[in-house]
C-alpha atoms as a PDB file:
ATOM      1  CA  UNK A   1      -6.039   6.126 -28.929  1.00  0.00           C
ATOM      2  CA  UNK A   2      -8.483   4.202 -26.774  1.00  0.00           C
ATOM      3  CA  UNK A   3      -7.413   1.899 -24.103  1.00  0.00           C
ATOM      4  CA  UNK A   4      -9.485  -0.574 -22.423  1.00  0.00           C
ATOM      5  CA  UNK A   5      -9.907  -0.375 -18.708  1.00  0.00           C
ATOM      6  CA  UNK A   6     -11.593  -2.145 -15.515  1.00  0.00           C
ATOM      7  CA  UNK A   7     -12.062  -1.028 -12.048  1.00  0.00           C
ATOM      8  CA  UNK A   8     -12.209  -3.409  -8.909  1.00  0.00           C
ATOM      9  CA  UNK A   9     -12.629  -2.995  -5.401  1.00  0.00           C
ATOM     10  CA  UNK A  10      -9.633  -4.653  -3.846  1.00  0.00           C
ATOM     11  CA  UNK A  11      -9.376  -6.409  -0.418  1.00  0.00           C
ATOM     12  CA  UNK A  12     -13.033  -7.295  -0.468  1.00  0.00           C
ATOM     13  CA  UNK A  13     -15.649  -9.852  -2.015  1.00  0.00           C
ATOM     14  CA  UNK A  14     -18.180  -6.925  -1.876  1.00  0.00           C
ATOM     15  CA  UNK A  15     -18.738  -4.395  -4.650  1.00  0.00           C
ATOM     16  CA  UNK A  16     -18.321  -0.665  -3.373  1.00  0.00           C
ATOM     17  CA  UNK A  17     -16.310  -1.874  -0.269  1.00  0.00           C
ATOM     18  CA  UNK A  18     -12.545  -2.180  -0.154  1.00  0.00           C
ATOM     19  CA  UNK A  19     -10.251  -0.003  -2.214  1.00  0.00           C
ATOM     20  CA  UNK A  20     -11.126   0.966  -5.754  1.00  0.00           C
ATOM     21  CA  UNK A  21      -8.591   0.680  -8.567  1.00  0.00           C
ATOM     22  CA  UNK A  22      -8.452   1.391 -12.065  1.00  0.00           C
ATOM     23  CA  UNK A  23      -6.352  -0.920 -14.358  1.00  0.00           C
ATOM     24  CA  UNK A  24      -5.706   0.292 -17.816  1.00  0.00           C
ATOM     25  CA  UNK A  25      -4.351  -2.116 -20.437  1.00  0.00           C
ATOM     26  CA  UNK A  26      -1.778  -0.981 -23.040  1.00  0.00           C
ATOM     27  CA  UNK A  27      -1.918  -3.644 -25.903  1.00  0.00           C
ATOM     28  CA  UNK A  28       1.208  -4.934 -27.206  1.00  0.00           C
ATOM     29  CA  UNK A  29       0.174  -3.637 -30.694  1.00  0.00           C
ATOM     30  CA  UNK A  30      -0.334   0.041 -29.511  1.00  0.00           C
ATOM     31  CA  UNK A  31       2.086   2.434 -31.117  1.00  0.00           C
ATOM     32  CA  UNK A  32       2.977   4.728 -30.135  1.00  0.00           C
ATOM     33  CA  UNK A  33       2.400   3.743 -26.397  1.00  0.00           C
ATOM     34  CA  UNK A  34       1.111   6.384 -24.033  1.00  0.00           C
ATOM     35  CA  UNK A  35       3.600   8.656 -22.728  1.00  0.00           C
ATOM     36  CA  UNK A  36       4.243   9.314 -18.932  1.00  0.00           C
ATOM     37  CA  UNK A  37       2.476  12.591 -19.097  1.00  0.00           C
ATOM     38  CA  UNK A  38      -0.480  10.815 -20.757  1.00  0.00           C
ATOM     39  CA  UNK A  39      -0.529   8.035 -18.066  1.00  0.00           C
ATOM     40  CA  UNK A  40      -0.345  10.868 -15.376  1.00  0.00           C
ATOM     41  CA  UNK A  41      -3.343  12.595 -16.757  1.00  0.00           C
ATOM     42  CA  UNK A  42      -5.193   9.304 -16.947  1.00  0.00           C
ATOM     43  CA  UNK A  43      -4.558   8.575 -13.378  1.00  0.00           C
ATOM     44  CA  UNK A  44      -5.796  12.149 -12.489  1.00  0.00           C
ATOM     45  CA  UNK A  45      -8.900  11.612 -14.168  1.00  0.00           C
ATOM     46  CA  UNK A  46      -9.682   8.424 -12.438  1.00  0.00           C
ATOM     47  CA  UNK A  47      -8.815  10.284  -9.281  1.00  0.00           C
ATOM     48  CA  UNK A  48      -8.274   7.094  -7.214  1.00  0.00           C
ATOM     49  CA  UNK A  49      -5.693   6.331  -4.761  1.00  0.00           C
ATOM     50  CA  UNK A  50      -3.802   4.430  -7.665  1.00  0.00           C
ATOM     51  CA  UNK A  51      -4.031   3.683 -11.227  1.00  0.00           C
ATOM     52  CA  UNK A  52      -2.222   0.707 -12.792  1.00  0.00           C
ATOM     53  CA  UNK A  53      -1.140   0.401 -16.273  1.00  0.00           C
ATOM     54  CA  UNK A  54      -0.479  -3.239 -17.692  1.00  0.00           C
ATOM     55  CA  UNK A  55       1.770  -3.592 -20.581  1.00  0.00           C
ATOM     56  CA  UNK A  56       0.165  -6.537 -22.440  1.00  0.00           C
ATOM     57  CA  UNK A  57       2.730  -9.179 -23.795  1.00  0.00           C
ATOM     58  CA  UNK A  58       2.928 -12.931 -24.397  1.00  0.00           C
ATOM     59  CA  UNK A  59       4.037 -15.197 -21.622  1.00  0.00           C
ATOM     60  CA  UNK A  60       3.512 -15.328 -17.999  1.00  0.00           C
ATOM     61  CA  UNK A  61       4.913 -12.091 -16.881  1.00  0.00           C
ATOM     62  CA  UNK A  62       3.730  -8.403 -17.164  1.00  0.00           C
ATOM     63  CA  UNK A  63       5.291  -5.028 -16.776  1.00  0.00           C
ATOM     64  CA  UNK A  64       3.243  -2.566 -14.654  1.00  0.00           C
ATOM     65  CA  UNK A  65       3.243   0.927 -13.790  1.00  0.00           C
ATOM     66  CA  UNK A  66       1.538   2.325 -10.790  1.00  0.00           C
ATOM     67  CA  UNK A  67       0.447   5.904 -10.338  1.00  0.00           C
ATOM     68  CA  UNK A  68      -1.088   8.103  -7.797  1.00  0.00           C
ATOM     69  CA  UNK A  69      -2.851  11.322  -8.877  1.00  0.00           C
ATOM     70  CA  UNK A  70       0.417  13.297  -9.152  1.00  0.00           C
ATOM     71  CA  UNK A  71       3.227  10.874  -9.637  1.00  0.00           C
ATOM     72  CA  UNK A  72       4.473   7.576 -10.273  1.00  0.00           C
ATOM     73  CA  UNK A  73       5.420   5.208  -7.337  1.00  0.00           C
ATOM     74  CA  UNK A  74       7.608   2.166  -7.369  1.00  0.00           C
ATOM     75  CA  UNK A  75       5.133  -0.358  -5.611  1.00  0.00           C
ATOM     76  CA  UNK A  76       1.906  -0.476  -3.679  1.00  0.00           C
ATOM     77  CA  UNK A  77      -0.050  -3.341  -2.287  1.00  0.00           C
ATOM     78  CA  UNK A  78      -3.495  -2.949  -3.348  1.00  0.00           C
ATOM     79  CA  UNK A  79      -2.692  -2.293  -6.954  1.00  0.00           C
ATOM     80  CA  UNK A  80      -0.612  -5.337  -6.996  1.00  0.00           C
ATOM     81  CA  UNK A  81      -3.362  -7.548  -5.480  1.00  0.00           C
ATOM     82  CA  UNK A  82      -6.161  -6.074  -7.824  1.00  0.00           C
ATOM     83  CA  UNK A  83      -4.052  -6.368 -10.988  1.00  0.00           C
ATOM     84  CA  UNK A  84      -3.108  -9.797 -10.106  1.00  0.00           C
ATOM     85  CA  UNK A  85      -6.762 -10.891  -9.477  1.00  0.00           C
ATOM     86  CA  UNK A  86      -7.436  -9.352 -12.977  1.00  0.00           C
ATOM     87  CA  UNK A  87      -4.797 -11.318 -14.770  1.00  0.00           C
ATOM     88  CA  UNK A  88      -4.919 -14.803 -13.059  1.00  0.00           C
ATOM     89  CA  UNK A  89      -7.230 -16.113 -15.798  1.00  0.00           C
ATOM     90  CA  UNK A  90      -4.480 -15.121 -18.385  1.00  0.00           C
ATOM     91  CA  UNK A  91      -2.076 -17.470 -16.725  1.00  0.00           C
ATOM     92  CA  UNK A  92       0.081 -14.696 -15.462  1.00  0.00           C
ATOM     93  CA  UNK A  93       2.129 -15.285 -12.295  1.00  0.00           C
ATOM     94  CA  UNK A  94       4.515 -12.581 -12.160  1.00  0.00           C
ATOM     95  CA  UNK A  95       4.002  -8.840 -12.108  1.00  0.00           C
ATOM     96  CA  UNK A  96       7.105  -6.726 -12.725  1.00  0.00           C
ATOM     97  CA  UNK A  97       7.133  -3.135 -10.607  1.00  0.00           C
ATOM     98  CA  UNK A  98       9.538  -0.557 -10.523  1.00  0.00           C
ATOM     99  CA  UNK A  99      10.464  -1.985  -7.161  1.00  0.00           C
ATOM    100  CA  UNK A 100      11.058  -5.216  -8.717  1.00  0.00           C
ATOM    101  CA  UNK A 101       9.339  -8.612  -9.638  1.00  0.00           C
ATOM    102  CA  UNK A 102       6.389  -9.892  -7.583  1.00  0.00           C
ATOM    103  CA  UNK A 103       5.628 -13.773  -8.148  1.00  0.00           C
ATOM    104  CA  UNK A 104       1.693 -14.099  -7.477  1.00  0.00           C
ATOM    105  CA  UNK A 105      -0.358 -17.231  -7.244  1.00  0.00           C
ATOM    106  CA  UNK A 106      -4.022 -18.134  -6.333  1.00  0.00           C
ATOM    107  CA  UNK A 107      -4.240 -20.345  -3.028  1.00  0.00           C
ATOM    108  CA  UNK A 108      -8.237 -20.438  -3.933  1.00  0.00           C
ATOM    109  CA  UNK A 109     -10.581 -18.885  -6.684  1.00  0.00           C
ATOM    110  CA  UNK A 110     -10.610 -15.043  -6.474  1.00  0.00           C
ATOM    111  CA  UNK A 111      -7.790 -14.730  -3.772  1.00  0.00           C
ATOM    112  CA  UNK A 112      -4.221 -13.949  -4.502  1.00  0.00           C
ATOM    113  CA  UNK A 113      -1.034 -13.991  -2.638  1.00  0.00           C
ATOM    114  CA  UNK A 114       1.942 -12.139  -3.777  1.00  0.00           C
ATOM    115  CA  UNK A 115       5.404 -12.108  -2.790  1.00  0.00           C
ATOM    116  CA  UNK A 116       6.480  -8.511  -2.074  1.00  0.00           C
ATOM    117  CA  UNK A 117       9.765  -6.923  -2.827  1.00  0.00           C
ATOM    118  CA  UNK A 118      11.155  -5.150   0.174  1.00  0.00           C
ATOM    119  CA  UNK A 119      14.122  -3.237   1.340  1.00  0.00           C
ATOM    120  CA  UNK A 120      13.036  -2.203   4.809  1.00  0.00           C
ATOM    121  CA  UNK A 121      14.813   0.655   6.574  1.00  0.00           C
ATOM    122  CA  UNK A 122      13.867   2.543   9.873  1.00  0.00           C
ATOM    123  CA  UNK A 123      14.951   6.137   9.684  1.00  0.00           C
ATOM    124  CA  UNK A 124      16.936   7.896  12.478  1.00  0.00           C
ATOM    125  CA  UNK A 125      14.361  10.810  12.612  1.00  0.00           C
ATOM    126  CA  UNK A 126      10.770  10.725  13.924  1.00  0.00           C
ATOM    127  CA  UNK A 127       8.313  13.370  13.522  1.00  0.00           C
ATOM    128  CA  UNK A 128       8.948  14.588  16.923  1.00  0.00           C
ATOM    129  CA  UNK A 129      12.803  14.962  16.388  1.00  0.00           C
ATOM    130  CA  UNK A 130      12.069  17.667  13.798  1.00  0.00           C
ATOM    131  CA  UNK A 131       8.929  19.136  15.336  1.00  0.00           C
ATOM    132  CA  UNK A 132       9.700  22.718  15.196  1.00  0.00           C
ATOM    133  CA  UNK A 133       9.898  22.399  11.219  1.00  0.00           C
ATOM    134  CA  UNK A 134       6.478  20.815  11.115  1.00  0.00           C
ATOM    135  CA  UNK A 135       3.308  22.818  10.201  1.00  0.00           C
ATOM    136  CA  UNK A 136       1.002  22.969  13.122  1.00  0.00           C
ATOM    137  CA  UNK A 137      -1.906  21.800  10.767  1.00  0.00           C
ATOM    138  CA  UNK A 138       0.072  18.559   9.850  1.00  0.00           C
ATOM    139  CA  UNK A 139      -0.195  16.976  13.191  1.00  0.00           C
ATOM    140  CA  UNK A 140      -3.631  16.126  15.318  1.00  0.00           C
ATOM    141  CA  UNK A 141      -4.904  18.568  18.053  1.00  0.00           C
ATOM    142  CA  UNK A 142      -5.915  15.374  20.010  1.00  0.00           C
ATOM    143  CA  UNK A 143      -3.214  14.991  22.546  1.00  0.00           C
ATOM    144  CA  UNK A 144      -3.179  11.410  22.611  1.00  0.00           C
ATOM    145  CA  UNK A 145      -2.835  11.076  18.790  1.00  0.00           C
ATOM    146  CA  UNK A 146      -0.368  13.806  18.658  1.00  0.00           C
ATOM    147  CA  UNK A 147       1.934  12.669  21.200  1.00  0.00           C
ATOM    148  CA  UNK A 148       1.822   9.118  19.265  1.00  0.00           C
ATOM    149  CA  UNK A 149       2.453  10.885  16.175  1.00  0.00           C
ATOM    150  CA  UNK A 150       5.739  12.368  17.300  1.00  0.00           C
ATOM    151  CA  UNK A 151       7.387   9.258  18.777  1.00  0.00           C
ATOM    152  CA  UNK A 152       6.124   6.887  15.698  1.00  0.00           C
ATOM    153  CA  UNK A 153       9.080   5.412  13.819  1.00  0.00           C
ATOM    154  CA  UNK A 154       9.643   6.182  10.204  1.00  0.00           C
ATOM    155  CA  UNK A 155       9.666   2.954   8.249  1.00  0.00           C
ATOM    156  CA  UNK A 156      10.392   2.180   4.555  1.00  0.00           C
ATOM    157  CA  UNK A 157       9.290  -0.944   3.033  1.00  0.00           C
ATOM    158  CA  UNK A 158      11.172   0.189  -0.123  1.00  0.00           C
ATOM    159  CA  UNK A 159      12.969   3.326  -1.047  1.00  0.00           C
ATOM    160  CA  UNK A 160      10.185   5.721  -2.065  1.00  0.00           C
ATOM    161  CA  UNK A 161       7.528   4.270   0.102  1.00  0.00           C
ATOM    162  CA  UNK A 162       7.719   5.418   3.806  1.00  0.00           C
ATOM    163  CA  UNK A 163       5.414   5.441   6.502  1.00  0.00           C
ATOM    164  CA  UNK A 164       4.959   6.923  10.096  1.00  0.00           C
ATOM    165  CA  UNK A 165       3.668   3.911  12.014  1.00  0.00           C
ATOM    166  CA  UNK A 166       1.577   5.525  14.792  1.00  0.00           C
ATOM    167  CA  UNK A 167       0.449   3.038  17.498  1.00  0.00           C
ATOM    168  CA  UNK A 168      -2.737   4.099  19.311  1.00  0.00           C
ATOM    169  CA  UNK A 169      -4.442   2.750  22.593  1.00  0.00           C
ATOM    170  CA  UNK A 170      -7.763   1.652  21.422  1.00  0.00           C
ATOM    171  CA  UNK A 171     -10.347   1.870  18.795  1.00  0.00           C
ATOM    172  CA  UNK A 172     -12.089   5.171  20.084  1.00  0.00           C
ATOM    173  CA  UNK A 173      -8.826   7.045  19.846  1.00  0.00           C
ATOM    174  CA  UNK A 174      -8.390   5.491  16.211  1.00  0.00           C
ATOM    175  CA  UNK A 175     -11.761   6.718  15.357  1.00  0.00           C
ATOM    176  CA  UNK A 176     -10.632  10.207  16.348  1.00  0.00           C
ATOM    177  CA  UNK A 177      -8.274  10.538  13.726  1.00  0.00           C
ATOM    178  CA  UNK A 178      -9.111  12.738  10.841  1.00  0.00           C
ATOM    179  CA  UNK A 179      -7.456  13.678   7.405  1.00  0.00           C
ATOM    180  CA  UNK A 180      -4.943  16.465   7.779  1.00  0.00           C
ATOM    181  CA  UNK A 181      -3.547  18.836   4.990  1.00  0.00           C
ATOM    182  CA  UNK A 182      -0.023  18.599   3.654  1.00  0.00           C
ATOM    183  CA  UNK A 183       2.638  16.129   3.387  1.00  0.00           C
ATOM    184  CA  UNK A 184       5.957  15.493   5.060  1.00  0.00           C
ATOM    185  CA  UNK A 185       9.010  16.255   3.025  1.00  0.00           C
ATOM    186  CA  UNK A 186      11.328  13.104   2.546  1.00  0.00           C
ATOM    187  CA  UNK A 187      14.098  15.699   2.204  1.00  0.00           C
ATOM    188  CA  UNK A 188      13.581  16.872   5.606  1.00  0.00           C
ATOM    189  CA  UNK A 189      12.881  13.581   7.532  1.00  0.00           C
ATOM    190  CA  UNK A 190      14.533  10.700   5.653  1.00  0.00           C
ATOM    191  CA  UNK A 191      17.973   9.385   5.866  1.00  0.00           C
ATOM    192  CA  UNK A 192      20.565  10.177   3.301  1.00  0.00           C
ATOM    193  CA  UNK A 193      19.991   8.169  -0.025  1.00  0.00           C
ATOM    194  CA  UNK A 194      16.292   7.781   0.889  1.00  0.00           C
ATOM    195  CA  UNK A 195      15.115  11.005   0.422  1.00  0.00           C
ATOM    196  CA  UNK A 196      12.439  10.221  -1.998  1.00  0.00           C
ATOM    197  CA  UNK A 197       8.839   9.278  -2.538  1.00  0.00           C
ATOM    198  CA  UNK A 198       6.040   9.856  -0.027  1.00  0.00           C
ATOM    199  CA  UNK A 199       5.579   9.630   3.828  1.00  0.00           C
ATOM    200  CA  UNK A 200       2.203   8.630   5.001  1.00  0.00           C
ATOM    201  CA  UNK A 201       0.770   8.211   8.470  1.00  0.00           C
ATOM    202  CA  UNK A 202      -0.401   4.698   9.281  1.00  0.00           C
ATOM    203  CA  UNK A 203      -2.338   4.379  12.565  1.00  0.00           C
ATOM    204  CA  UNK A 204      -3.044   1.031  14.128  1.00  0.00           C
ATOM    205  CA  UNK A 205      -4.444  -0.444  17.044  1.00  0.00           C
ATOM    206  CA  UNK A 206      -3.429  -4.095  18.221  1.00  0.00           C
ATOM    207  CA  UNK A 207      -6.478  -6.284  18.771  1.00  0.00           C
ATOM    208  CA  UNK A 208      -5.072  -9.353  20.255  1.00  0.00           C
ATOM    209  CA  UNK A 209      -3.849 -12.620  18.614  1.00  0.00           C
ATOM    210  CA  UNK A 210      -0.892 -15.049  19.536  1.00  0.00           C
ATOM    211  CA  UNK A 211       2.450 -15.593  18.587  1.00  0.00           C
ATOM    212  CA  UNK A 212       1.591 -16.837  15.180  1.00  0.00           C
ATOM    213  CA  UNK A 213      -1.144 -14.506  14.246  1.00  0.00           C
ATOM    214  CA  UNK A 214      -1.671 -10.822  15.176  1.00  0.00           C
ATOM    215  CA  UNK A 215      -4.920  -8.864  14.609  1.00  0.00           C
ATOM    216  CA  UNK A 216      -4.765  -5.146  13.937  1.00  0.00           C
ATOM    217  CA  UNK A 217      -7.161  -2.414  13.008  1.00  0.00           C
ATOM    218  CA  UNK A 218      -5.668   0.449  10.808  1.00  0.00           C
ATOM    219  CA  UNK A 219      -6.140   3.555   9.113  1.00  0.00           C
ATOM    220  CA  UNK A 220      -4.078   5.444   6.540  1.00  0.00           C
ATOM    221  CA  UNK A 221      -4.009   9.134   6.289  1.00  0.00           C
ATOM    222  CA  UNK A 222      -1.924  11.417   3.962  1.00  0.00           C
ATOM    223  CA  UNK A 223      -3.844  14.514   2.744  1.00  0.00           C
ATOM    224  CA  UNK A 224      -6.680  12.127   2.239  1.00  0.00           C
ATOM    225  CA  UNK A 225      -7.862   8.789   3.860  1.00  0.00           C
ATOM    226  CA  UNK A 226      -7.089   5.700   1.971  1.00  0.00           C
ATOM    227  CA  UNK A 227      -9.422   2.640   2.508  1.00  0.00           C
ATOM    228  CA  UNK A 228      -6.738   0.054   1.954  1.00  0.00           C
ATOM    229  CA  UNK A 229      -3.043   0.269   1.867  1.00  0.00           C
ATOM    230  CA  UNK A 230      -1.106  -2.813   1.265  1.00  0.00           C
ATOM    231  CA  UNK A 231       2.497  -1.057   1.032  1.00  0.00           C
ATOM    232  CA  UNK A 232       1.806   0.316   4.644  1.00  0.00           C
ATOM    233  CA  UNK A 233       0.389  -2.939   5.825  1.00  0.00           C
ATOM    234  CA  UNK A 234       3.675  -4.710   4.572  1.00  0.00           C
ATOM    235  CA  UNK A 235       5.697  -1.975   6.267  1.00  0.00           C
ATOM    236  CA  UNK A 236       3.763  -2.197   9.556  1.00  0.00           C
ATOM    237  CA  UNK A 237       4.187  -6.105   9.523  1.00  0.00           C
ATOM    238  CA  UNK A 238       7.655  -5.917   8.678  1.00  0.00           C
ATOM    239  CA  UNK A 239       8.288  -3.449  11.527  1.00  0.00           C
ATOM    240  CA  UNK A 240       6.438  -5.429  14.189  1.00  0.00           C
ATOM    241  CA  UNK A 241       8.096  -8.698  13.097  1.00  0.00           C
ATOM    242  CA  UNK A 242      11.517  -7.006  13.436  1.00  0.00           C
ATOM    243  CA  UNK A 243      10.663  -6.032  16.942  1.00  0.00           C
ATOM    244  CA  UNK A 244       8.996  -9.309  18.017  1.00  0.00           C
ATOM    245  CA  UNK A 245      12.354 -11.137  19.096  1.00  0.00           C
ATOM    246  CA  UNK A 246      11.469 -14.052  16.750  1.00  0.00           C
ATOM    247  CA  UNK A 247      14.388 -15.815  15.314  1.00  0.00           C
ATOM    248  CA  UNK A 248      12.808 -18.180  12.888  1.00  0.00           C
ATOM    249  CA  UNK A 249       9.257 -18.054  12.165  1.00  0.00           C
ATOM    250  CA  UNK A 250       6.360 -17.057   9.846  1.00  0.00           C
ATOM    251  CA  UNK A 251       4.077 -14.638  11.554  1.00  0.00           C
ATOM    252  CA  UNK A 252       0.562 -13.751   9.995  1.00  0.00           C
ATOM    253  CA  UNK A 253      -0.766 -10.221  10.352  1.00  0.00           C
ATOM    254  CA  UNK A 254      -4.475  -9.723   9.718  1.00  0.00           C
ATOM    255  CA  UNK A 255      -5.271  -6.259   9.398  1.00  0.00           C
ATOM    256  CA  UNK A 256      -8.776  -4.488   8.939  1.00  0.00           C
ATOM    257  CA  UNK A 257      -8.728  -1.012   7.400  1.00  0.00           C
ATOM    258  CA  UNK A 258     -11.306   1.347   6.053  1.00  0.00           C
ATOM    259  CA  UNK A 259     -14.167   0.562   8.544  1.00  0.00           C
ATOM    260  CA  UNK A 260     -14.455   4.288   9.542  1.00  0.00           C
ATOM    261  CA  UNK A 261     -15.108   5.195   5.687  1.00  0.00           C
ATOM    262  CA  UNK A 262     -17.569   2.421   5.334  1.00  0.00           C
ATOM    263  CA  UNK A 263     -15.260   0.535   2.996  1.00  0.00           C
ATOM    264  CA  UNK A 264     -14.102  -2.336   5.199  1.00  0.00           C
ATOM    265  CA  UNK A 265     -10.825  -3.939   3.731  1.00  0.00           C
ATOM    266  CA  UNK A 266      -9.343  -7.107   4.777  1.00  0.00           C
ATOM    267  CA  UNK A 267      -5.667  -7.539   4.351  1.00  0.00           C
ATOM    268  CA  UNK A 268      -3.214 -10.346   5.185  1.00  0.00           C
ATOM    269  CA  UNK A 269       0.356  -9.880   5.318  1.00  0.00           C
ATOM    270  CA  UNK A 270       2.842 -12.893   6.213  1.00  0.00           C
ATOM    271  CA  UNK A 271       6.266 -12.116   7.308  1.00  0.00           C
ATOM    272  CA  UNK A 272       8.927 -14.899   7.462  1.00  0.00           C
ATOM    273  CA  UNK A 273      11.580 -14.125  10.146  1.00  0.00           C
ATOM    274  CA  UNK A 274      14.996 -15.968   9.599  1.00  0.00           C
ATOM    275  CA  UNK A 275      17.812 -15.353  12.156  1.00  0.00           C
ATOM    276  CA  UNK A 276      15.814 -12.599  13.550  1.00  0.00           C
ATOM    277  CA  UNK A 277      15.659 -10.752  10.260  1.00  0.00           C
ATOM    278  CA  UNK A 278      12.767 -10.371   7.861  1.00  0.00           C
ATOM    279  CA  UNK A 279      13.347 -12.858   5.021  1.00  0.00           C
ATOM    280  CA  UNK A 280      10.056 -13.059   3.052  1.00  0.00           C
ATOM    281  CA  UNK A 281       6.933 -10.824   2.868  1.00  0.00           C
ATOM    282  CA  UNK A 282       3.824 -11.795   1.112  1.00  0.00           C
ATOM    283  CA  UNK A 283       0.478  -9.877   0.734  1.00  0.00           C
ATOM    284  CA  UNK A 284      -2.932 -11.611   0.178  1.00  0.00           C
ATOM    285  CA  UNK A 285      -6.383 -10.506  -0.627  1.00  0.00           C
ATOM    286  CA  UNK A 286      -9.571 -10.674  -3.048  1.00  0.00           C
ATOM    287  CA  UNK A 287     -10.899  -8.264  -5.356  1.00  0.00           C
ATOM    288  CA  UNK A 288     -14.193  -7.575  -7.036  1.00  0.00           C
ATOM    289  CA  UNK A 289     -14.640  -6.157 -10.577  1.00  0.00           C
ATOM    290  CA  UNK A 290     -17.072  -3.093 -10.788  1.00  0.00           C
ATOM    291  CA  UNK A 291     -16.746  -1.514 -14.146  1.00  0.00           C
ATOM    292  CA  UNK A 292     -15.151  -1.828 -17.634  1.00  0.00           C
ATOM    293  CA  UNK A 293     -14.917   0.338 -20.516  1.00  0.00           C
ATOM    294  CA  UNK A 294     -12.412   2.512 -22.688  1.00  0.00           C
ATOM    295  CA  UNK A 295     -10.435   5.578 -21.884  1.00  0.00           C
ATOM    296  CA  UNK A 296      -9.645   8.039 -24.760  1.00  0.00           C
ATOM    297  CA  UNK A 297      -6.102   9.587 -24.692  1.00  0.00           C
END
């Protein structure tokens, strides 16, 4: 079978910046549909941080599957924004992910805002609480970065998407962050009933703002560096909003990621706090199409 695909650079209006994304369309007439194994092979072939499979259908809703190179994940931000941009001209206003339905709209041309499903949870452990069970190569040798990693909260935006939120003091220290091998085991670090998915390390520096808008520079490291990570950005925004002491307010978090890679990505997360709790989360950004073609299965 041959399936049409496009690639886009997400969270940017410039090609070859932002975060690349492959989107493969599965036509409604396709029978048999590609299997889970075939989807995984396609994602591995693209070798991007994520590949999306869109199940074509009538109406304004589309089911999508999101894969990294070695597994399927329930939700990710940059695939959501990129896929939304690609489908807006078709009148699509909802994406259905494994984490739940996501309403999308376009406040202006080429710019999308997506309501994000969330089930936030801060875990009891930190990396430091189980330091003796972490391989020495999984943490930084830079003392300032390493100490920040050890006390960072482990925070899930949904089950299966968890991040160590590592606050650093300045941009110089952020620039010293390097890619590190290995991953942290969910079975070891996460609370009962949450032991699945991935644990990434999301580093950030606060860059000012006010009580309504917060500016941040960020970097995302697993065994590779990601130029833009919407799920981690949403997790960080929810964590900061929950610790802000705000009772009833919408707070906007403007995050710049990928600068150190030469792929600047501009990410906007809005968190609505109601009665001191996160009530709504939305992720906004842009995308620019770069390639199109067919993948043979």
